[in-house]
C-alpha atoms as a PDB file:
ATOM      1  CA  MET A   1     -14.882  -9.352 -12.555  1.00  0.00           C
ATOM      2  CA  THR A   2     -13.985  -9.374  -8.872  1.00  0.00           C
ATOM      3  CA  ARG A   3     -16.145  -7.882  -6.111  1.00  0.00           C
ATOM      4  CA  ASN A   4     -13.541  -5.171  -5.489  1.00  0.00           C
ATOM      5  CA  GLU A   5     -13.455  -4.253  -9.184  1.00  0.00           C
ATOM      6  CA  ILE A   6     -17.232  -3.923  -9.220  1.00  0.00           C
ATOM      7  CA  ILE A   7     -17.171  -1.728  -6.113  1.00  0.00           C
ATOM      8  CA  GLU A   8     -14.435   0.491  -7.540  1.00  0.00           C
ATOM      9  CA  ASN A   9     -15.989   0.813 -11.006  1.00  0.00           C
ATOM     10  CA  VAL A  10     -19.496   1.558  -9.743  1.00  0.00           C
ATOM     11  CA  THR A  11     -18.174   4.035  -7.176  1.00  0.00           C
ATOM     12  CA  GLU A  12     -16.155   5.916  -9.810  1.00  0.00           C
ATOM     13  CA  ALA A  13     -19.143   6.010 -12.191  1.00  0.00           C
ATOM     14  CA  TYR A  14     -21.438   7.221  -9.402  1.00  0.00           C
ATOM     15  CA  ILE A  15     -19.026   9.981  -8.369  1.00  0.00           C
ATOM     16  CA  ALA A  16     -18.596  11.077 -11.987  1.00  0.00           C
ATOM     17  CA  LYS A  17     -22.312  11.817 -12.295  1.00  0.00           C
ATOM     18  CA  LEU A  18     -22.654  13.723  -8.987  1.00  0.00           C
ATOM     19  CA  ASP A  19     -23.508  17.426  -9.150  1.00  0.00           C
ATOM     20  CA  ARG A  20     -20.785  19.012  -7.027  1.00  0.00           C
ATOM     21  CA  ASP A  21     -22.767  22.245  -6.683  1.00  0.00           C
ATOM     22  CA  ASN A  22     -25.897  20.473  -5.449  1.00  0.00           C
ATOM     23  CA  PRO A  23     -24.948  17.023  -4.123  1.00  0.00           C
ATOM     24  CA  PRO A  24     -27.487  14.732  -2.463  1.00  0.00           C
ATOM     25  CA  THR A  25     -27.360  14.225   1.284  1.00  0.00           C
ATOM     26  CA  PRO A  26     -24.826  11.708   2.638  1.00  0.00           C
ATOM     27  CA  ARG A  27     -27.644   9.231   3.410  1.00  0.00           C
ATOM     28  CA  VAL A  28     -28.972   9.460  -0.140  1.00  0.00           C
ATOM     29  CA  ILE A  29     -25.481   9.000  -1.580  1.00  0.00           C
ATOM     30  CA  GLU A  30     -24.884   5.944   0.586  1.00  0.00           C
ATOM     31  CA  SER A  31     -28.257   4.403  -0.233  1.00  0.00           C
ATOM     32  CA  GLU A  32     -27.960   4.978  -3.981  1.00  0.00           C
ATOM     33  CA  LEU A  33     -24.359   3.795  -4.172  1.00  0.00           C
ATOM     34  CA  VAL A  34     -24.956   0.633  -2.150  1.00  0.00           C
ATOM     35  CA  THR A  35     -27.997  -0.134  -4.338  1.00  0.00           C
ATOM     36  CA  GLU A  36     -26.032   0.403  -7.566  1.00  0.00           C
ATOM     37  CA  ILE A  37     -23.174  -1.780  -6.336  1.00  0.00           C
ATOM     38  CA  ASN A  38     -25.542  -4.569  -5.311  1.00  0.00           C
ATOM     39  CA  ASP A  39     -27.329  -4.357  -8.667  1.00  0.00           C
ATOM     40  CA  SER A  40     -23.969  -4.823 -10.419  1.00  0.00           C
ATOM     41  CA  ILE A  41     -23.051  -7.708  -8.104  1.00  0.00           C
ATOM     42  CA  MET A  42     -26.404  -9.333  -8.874  1.00  0.00           C
ATOM     43  CA  LEU A  43     -25.691  -9.078 -12.612  1.00  0.00           C
ATOM     44  CA  GLU A  44     -22.209 -10.557 -12.136  1.00  0.00           C
ATOM     45  CA  ASN A  45     -23.640 -13.391 -10.043  1.00  0.00           C
ATOM     46  CA  GLN A  46     -25.958 -14.361 -12.894  1.00  0.00           C
ATOM     47  CA  LEU A  47     -22.831 -15.261 -14.875  1.00  0.00           C
ATOM     48  CA  ARG A  48     -21.172 -17.238 -12.069  1.00  0.00           C
ATOM     49  CA  ALA A  49     -21.533 -20.853 -11.003  1.00  0.00           C
ATOM     50  CA  LYS A  50     -23.611 -21.582  -7.912  1.00  0.00           C
ATOM     51  CA  GLY A  51     -20.652 -21.946  -5.529  1.00  0.00           C
ATOM     52  CA  ASP A  52     -18.807 -18.913  -6.925  1.00  0.00           C
ATOM     53  CA  LYS A  53     -21.295 -16.123  -6.148  1.00  0.00           C
ATOM     54  CA  LEU A  54     -20.152 -12.746  -4.809  1.00  0.00           C
ATOM     55  CA  ARG A  55     -21.635 -11.537  -1.539  1.00  0.00           C
ATOM     56  CA  ASN A  56     -23.701  -8.370  -1.424  1.00  0.00           C
ATOM     57  CA  PHE A  57     -22.280  -5.051  -0.352  1.00  0.00           C
ATOM     58  CA  ASP A  58     -23.667  -3.361   2.760  1.00  0.00           C
ATOM     59  CA  VAL A  59     -21.499  -0.460   3.904  1.00  0.00           C
ATOM     60  CA  LEU A  60     -19.214   2.114   2.285  1.00  0.00           C
ATOM     61  CA  ASP A  61     -15.537   1.700   3.059  1.00  0.00           C
ATOM     62  CA  HIS A  62     -13.172   4.500   4.071  1.00  0.00           C
ATOM     63  CA  ASP A  63     -11.745   4.902   0.575  1.00  0.00           C
ATOM     64  CA  GLN A  64     -15.208   5.372  -0.927  1.00  0.00           C
ATOM     65  CA  ILE A  65     -16.197   7.887   1.739  1.00  0.00           C
ATOM     66  CA  ALA A  66     -13.013   9.880   1.127  1.00  0.00           C
ATOM     67  CA  LYS A  67     -13.575   9.900  -2.649  1.00  0.00           C
ATOM     68  CA  ILE A  68     -17.182  11.030  -2.169  1.00  0.00           C
ATOM     69  CA  MET A  69     -16.051  13.768   0.221  1.00  0.00           C
ATOM     70  CA  LEU A  70     -13.517  14.963  -2.358  1.00  0.00           C
ATOM     71  CA  ALA A  71     -16.208  15.028  -5.048  1.00  0.00           C
ATOM     72  CA  THR A  72     -18.851  16.840  -2.971  1.00  0.00           C
ATOM     73  CA  ASN A  73     -16.810  19.201  -0.790  1.00  0.00           C
ATOM     74  CA  TYR A  74     -13.955  21.635  -1.200  1.00  0.00           C
ATOM     75  CA  ILE A  75     -11.231  19.483   0.293  1.00  0.00           C
ATOM     76  CA  SER A  76      -7.573  19.158  -0.586  1.00  0.00           C
ATOM     77  CA  CYS A  77      -5.849  15.798  -0.737  1.00  0.00           C
ATOM     78  CA  ILE A  78      -2.325  16.140   0.647  1.00  0.00           C
ATOM     79  CA  ASN A  79       0.294  13.606  -0.397  1.00  0.00           C
ATOM     80  CA  CYS A  80       2.527  13.041   2.632  1.00  0.00           C
ATOM     81  CA  GLY A  81       4.603  10.181   1.297  1.00  0.00           C
ATOM     82  CA  GLY A  82       6.187  11.535  -1.827  1.00  0.00           C
ATOM     83  CA  GLU A  83       5.669  10.917  -5.528  1.00  0.00           C
ATOM     84  CA  ASN A  84       5.544   7.114  -5.459  1.00  0.00           C
ATOM     85  CA  SER A  85       3.433   6.681  -2.325  1.00  0.00           C
ATOM     86  CA  GLU A  86      -0.005   5.080  -2.260  1.00  0.00           C
ATOM     87  CA  ALA A  87      -2.948   7.517  -2.398  1.00  0.00           C
ATOM     88  CA  GLU A  88      -4.608   5.677   0.481  1.00  0.00           C
ATOM     89  CA  TYR A  89      -2.017   7.247   2.811  1.00  0.00           C
ATOM     90  CA  ASP A  90      -2.835  10.825   1.778  1.00  0.00           C
ATOM     91  CA  ILE A  91      -4.593  13.084   4.268  1.00  0.00           C
ATOM     92  CA  LEU A  92      -7.564  15.373   3.663  1.00  0.00           C
ATOM     93  CA  ALA A  93      -7.680  19.057   4.546  1.00  0.00           C
ATOM     94  CA  ILE A  94     -10.822  21.158   4.687  1.00  0.00           C
END
């Protein structure tokens, strides 16, 4: 599994278990998510050869922050590029 796949999978699993009506603080979310991602990276690294280890994760990227905001706030995601556009180009409205 690639580092990006781990980050995406763990982030989606973390968001799925969040309580939208009573979410943790942003600092708690960041701390827990970074810890869970690094735990998964550590497990993956146990399966890899010495020179093929994945580096640890230290900061949430913009995509993760946007997904967390969508899961914990009442925000609309507006597709500005049409049906076949990439979701990363959508804008958020509060």
